[in-house]
Every structure is written in structure tokens, then in C-alpha cells.
């Protein structure tokens, strides 16, 4: 809490990174689930 500039920059970088992680997790989920659904008879 001694350096508010670092915390503000961290919060500024955290939000796009979280959205990127969410999109990455969603894309990986789609890539992992689609072949299993297509392989089912």
C-alpha cells in the first residue's frame, strides 16, 4: 500500500487479462468439447 501507482497499473492490467483468460478458457472448452460431440454416433 506504499506505492499506489503500482496498484493502479496492476488493476489497469488485470481487467483485460481476466477477459483474455475468459476468452481463452472458452475457446479451449469449445475445442475440447466439439471433437467429442462429433465422434459420438
PDB file of N, CA and C in Angstrom:
ATOM      1  N   UNK A   1       0.828  -1.201   0.000  1.00  0.00           N
ATOM      2  CA  UNK A   1       0.000   0.000   0.000  1.00  0.00           C
ATOM      3  C   UNK A   1       0.862   1.251   0.000  1.00  0.00           C
ATOM      4  N   UNK A   2       2.177   1.095  -0.091  1.00  0.00           N
ATOM      5  CA  UNK A   2       3.060   2.255  -0.071  1.00  0.00           C
ATOM      6  C   UNK A   2       3.146   2.887  -1.444  1.00  0.00           C
ATOM      7  N   UNK A   3       2.909   2.093  -2.507  1.00  0.00           N
ATOM      8  CA  UNK A   3       3.001   2.631  -3.862  1.00  0.00           C
ATOM      9  C   UNK A   3       1.659   2.466  -4.570  1.00  0.00           C
ATOM     10  N   UNK A   4       0.827   3.489  -4.559  1.00  0.00           N
ATOM     11  CA  UNK A   4      -0.492   3.386  -5.205  1.00  0.00           C
ATOM     12  C   UNK A   4      -0.392   3.338  -6.724  1.00  0.00           C
ATOM     13  N   UNK A   5       0.728   3.823  -7.281  1.00  0.00           N
ATOM     14  CA  UNK A   5       0.873   3.820  -8.737  1.00  0.00           C
ATOM     15  C   UNK A   5       0.978   2.389  -9.257  1.00  0.00           C
ATOM     16  N   UNK A   6       1.660   1.527  -8.520  1.00  0.00           N
ATOM     17  CA  UNK A   6       1.805   0.146  -8.963  1.00  0.00           C
ATOM     18  C   UNK A   6       0.478  -0.584  -8.863  1.00  0.00           C
ATOM     19  N   UNK A   7      -0.295  -0.297  -7.816  1.00  0.00           N
ATOM     20  CA  UNK A   7      -1.582  -0.965  -7.657  1.00  0.00           C
ATOM     21  C   UNK A   7      -2.555  -0.514  -8.743  1.00  0.00           C
ATOM     22  N   UNK A   8      -2.515   0.781  -9.092  1.00  0.00           N
ATOM     23  CA  UNK A   8      -3.410   1.276 -10.128  1.00  0.00           C
ATOM     24  C   UNK A   8      -3.039   0.675 -11.481  1.00  0.00           C
ATOM     25  N   UNK A   9      -1.741   0.564 -11.747  1.00  0.00           N
ATOM     26  CA  UNK A   9      -1.318  -0.044 -13.005  1.00  0.00           C
ATOM     27  C   UNK A   9      -1.669  -1.520 -13.018  1.00  0.00           C
ATOM     28  N   UNK A  10      -1.581  -2.158 -11.864  1.00  0.00           N
ATOM     29  CA  UNK A  10      -1.937  -3.574 -11.782  1.00  0.00           C
ATOM     30  C   UNK A  10      -3.420  -3.770 -12.060  1.00  0.00           C
ATOM     31  N   UNK A  11      -4.255  -2.893 -11.497  1.00  0.00           N
ATOM     32  CA  UNK A  11      -5.687  -3.009 -11.735  1.00  0.00           C
ATOM     33  C   UNK A  11      -6.026  -2.664 -13.179  1.00  0.00           C
ATOM     34  N   UNK A  12      -5.222  -1.781 -13.774  1.00  0.00           N
ATOM     35  CA  UNK A  12      -5.458  -1.433 -15.172  1.00  0.00           C
ATOM     36  C   UNK A  12      -5.091  -2.604 -16.077  1.00  0.00           C
ATOM     37  N   UNK A  13      -4.122  -3.408 -15.661  1.00  0.00           N
ATOM     38  CA  UNK A  13      -3.722  -4.548 -16.473  1.00  0.00           C
ATOM     39  C   UNK A  13      -4.534  -5.791 -16.142  1.00  0.00           C
ATOM     40  N   UNK A  14      -5.163  -5.800 -14.980  1.00  0.00           N
ATOM     41  CA  UNK A  14      -5.839  -7.011 -14.540  1.00  0.00           C
ATOM     42  C   UNK A  14      -7.129  -7.254 -15.311  1.00  0.00           C
ATOM     43  N   UNK A  15      -7.869  -6.187 -15.617  1.00  0.00           N
ATOM     44  CA  UNK A  15      -9.160  -6.381 -16.255  1.00  0.00           C
ATOM     45  C   UNK A  15      -9.052  -6.953 -17.671  1.00  0.00           C
ATOM     46  N   UNK A  16      -8.212  -6.413 -18.566  1.00  0.00           N
ATOM     47  CA  UNK A  16      -8.075  -7.029 -19.890  1.00  0.00           C
ATOM     48  C   UNK A  16      -7.499  -8.433 -19.807  1.00  0.00           C
ATOM     49  N   UNK A  17      -6.643  -8.675 -18.829  1.00  0.00           N
ATOM     50  CA  UNK A  17      -6.056 -10.008 -18.691  1.00  0.00           C
ATOM     51  C   UNK A  17      -7.111 -11.019 -18.269  1.00  0.00           C
ATOM     52  N   UNK A  18      -8.034 -10.603 -17.411  1.00  0.00           N
ATOM     53  CA  UNK A  18      -9.097 -11.514 -16.987  1.00  0.00           C
ATOM     54  C   UNK A  18     -10.046 -11.817 -18.137  1.00  0.00           C
ATOM     55  N   UNK A  19     -10.335 -10.814 -18.957  1.00  0.00           N
ATOM     56  CA  UNK A  19     -11.200 -11.056 -20.107  1.00  0.00           C
ATOM     57  C   UNK A  19     -10.504 -11.957 -21.117  1.00  0.00           C
ATOM     58  N   UNK A  20      -9.184 -11.776 -21.262  1.00  0.00           N
ATOM     59  CA  UNK A  20      -8.419 -12.628 -22.160  1.00  0.00           C
ATOM     60  C   UNK A  20      -8.402 -14.064 -21.647  1.00  0.00           C
ATOM     61  N   UNK A  21      -8.272 -14.227 -20.341  1.00  0.00           N
ATOM     62  CA  UNK A  21      -8.292 -15.572 -19.768  1.00  0.00           C
ATOM     63  C   UNK A  21      -9.658 -16.216 -19.964  1.00  0.00           C
ATOM     64  N   UNK A  22     -10.722 -15.436 -19.846  1.00  0.00           N
ATOM     65  CA  UNK A  22     -12.057 -15.977 -20.027  1.00  0.00           C
ATOM     66  C   UNK A  22     -12.267 -16.423 -21.469  1.00  0.00           C
ATOM     67  N   UNK A  23     -11.810 -15.612 -22.424  1.00  0.00           N
ATOM     68  CA  UNK A  23     -11.937 -15.984 -23.826  1.00  0.00           C
ATOM     69  C   UNK A  23     -11.086 -17.199 -24.149  1.00  0.00           C
ATOM     70  N   UNK A  24      -9.882 -17.257 -23.569  1.00  0.00           N
ATOM     71  CA  UNK A  24      -9.005 -18.395 -23.810  1.00  0.00           C
ATOM     72  C   UNK A  24      -9.626 -19.666 -23.243  1.00  0.00           C
ATOM     73  N   UNK A  25     -10.185 -19.583 -22.041  1.00  0.00           N
ATOM     74  CA  UNK A  25     -10.818 -20.747 -21.427  1.00  0.00           C
ATOM     75  C   UNK A  25     -12.027 -21.190 -22.241  1.00  0.00           C
ATOM     76  N   UNK A  26     -12.792 -20.235 -22.768  1.00  0.00           N
ATOM     77  CA  UNK A  26     -13.963 -20.566 -23.571  1.00  0.00           C
ATOM     78  C   UNK A  26     -13.565 -21.239 -24.877  1.00  0.00           C
ATOM     79  N   UNK A  27     -12.509 -20.719 -25.525  1.00  0.00           N
ATOM     80  CA  UNK A  27     -12.063 -21.301 -26.792  1.00  0.00           C
ATOM     81  C   UNK A  27     -11.504 -22.696 -26.568  1.00  0.00           C
ATOM     82  N   UNK A  28     -10.757 -22.886 -25.486  1.00  0.00           N
ATOM     83  CA  UNK A  28     -10.213 -24.211 -25.191  1.00  0.00           C
ATOM     84  C   UNK A  28     -11.350 -25.178 -24.874  1.00  0.00           C
ATOM     85  N   UNK A  29     -12.360 -24.693 -24.173  1.00  0.00           N
ATOM     86  CA  UNK A  29     -13.504 -25.539 -23.866  1.00  0.00           C
ATOM     87  C   UNK A  29     -14.215 -25.967 -25.144  1.00  0.00           C
ATOM     88  N   UNK A  30     -14.382 -25.041 -26.086  1.00  0.00           N
ATOM     89  CA  UNK A  30     -15.034 -25.362 -27.344  1.00  0.00           C
ATOM     90  C   UNK A  30     -14.205 -26.357 -28.150  1.00  0.00           C
ATOM     91  N   UNK A  31     -12.883 -26.156 -28.160  1.00  0.00           N
ATOM     92  CA  UNK A  31     -12.024 -27.051 -28.921  1.00  0.00           C
ATOM     93  C   UNK A  31     -12.005 -28.447 -28.317  1.00  0.00           C
ATOM     94  N   UNK A  32     -12.159 -28.529 -27.006  1.00  0.00           N
ATOM     95  CA  UNK A  32     -12.116 -29.836 -26.358  1.00  0.00           C
ATOM     96  C   UNK A  32     -13.452 -30.558 -26.442  1.00  0.00           C
ATOM     97  N   UNK A  33     -14.552 -29.820 -26.493  1.00  0.00           N
ATOM     98  CA  UNK A  33     -15.853 -30.478 -26.462  1.00  0.00           C
ATOM     99  C   UNK A  33     -16.375 -30.808 -27.860  1.00  0.00           C
ATOM    100  N   UNK A  34     -15.983 -30.048 -28.865  1.00  0.00           N
ATOM    101  CA  UNK A  34     -16.511 -30.299 -30.202  1.00  0.00           C
ATOM    102  C   UNK A  34     -16.105 -31.659 -30.784  1.00  0.00           C
ATOM    103  N   UNK A  35     -14.845 -32.089 -30.703  1.00  0.00           N
ATOM    104  CA  UNK A  35     -14.500 -33.413 -31.246  1.00  0.00           C
ATOM    105  C   UNK A  35     -15.233 -34.544 -30.537  1.00  0.00           C
ATOM    106  N   UNK A  36     -15.465 -34.407 -29.236  1.00  0.00           N
ATOM    107  CA  UNK A  36     -16.174 -35.470 -28.527  1.00  0.00           C
ATOM    108  C   UNK A  36     -17.622 -35.555 -28.991  1.00  0.00           C
ATOM    109  N   UNK A  37     -18.231 -34.410 -29.274  1.00  0.00           N
ATOM    110  CA  UNK A  37     -19.612 -34.423 -29.726  1.00  0.00           C
ATOM    111  C   UNK A  37     -19.719 -34.966 -31.150  1.00  0.00           C
ATOM    112  N   UNK A  38     -18.720 -34.710 -31.972  1.00  0.00           N
ATOM    113  CA  UNK A  38     -18.776 -35.172 -33.357  1.00  0.00           C
ATOM    114  C   UNK A  38     -18.441 -36.652 -33.447  1.00  0.00           C
ATOM    115  N   UNK A  39     -17.653 -37.164 -32.503  1.00  0.00           N
ATOM    116  CA  UNK A  39     -17.290 -38.574 -32.546  1.00  0.00           C
ATOM    117  C   UNK A  39     -18.415 -39.468 -32.042  1.00  0.00           C
ATOM    118  N   UNK A  40     -19.367 -38.894 -31.341  1.00  0.00           N
ATOM    119  CA  UNK A  40     -20.479 -39.705 -30.848  1.00  0.00           C
ATOM    120  C   UNK A  40     -21.407 -40.070 -31.994  1.00  0.00           C
ATOM    121  N   UNK A  41     -21.904 -41.296 -32.014  1.00  0.00           N
ATOM    122  CA  UNK A  41     -22.810 -41.739 -33.086  1.00  0.00           C
ATOM    123  C   UNK A  41     -24.211 -41.140 -32.946  1.00  0.00           C
TER     124      UNK A  41
END
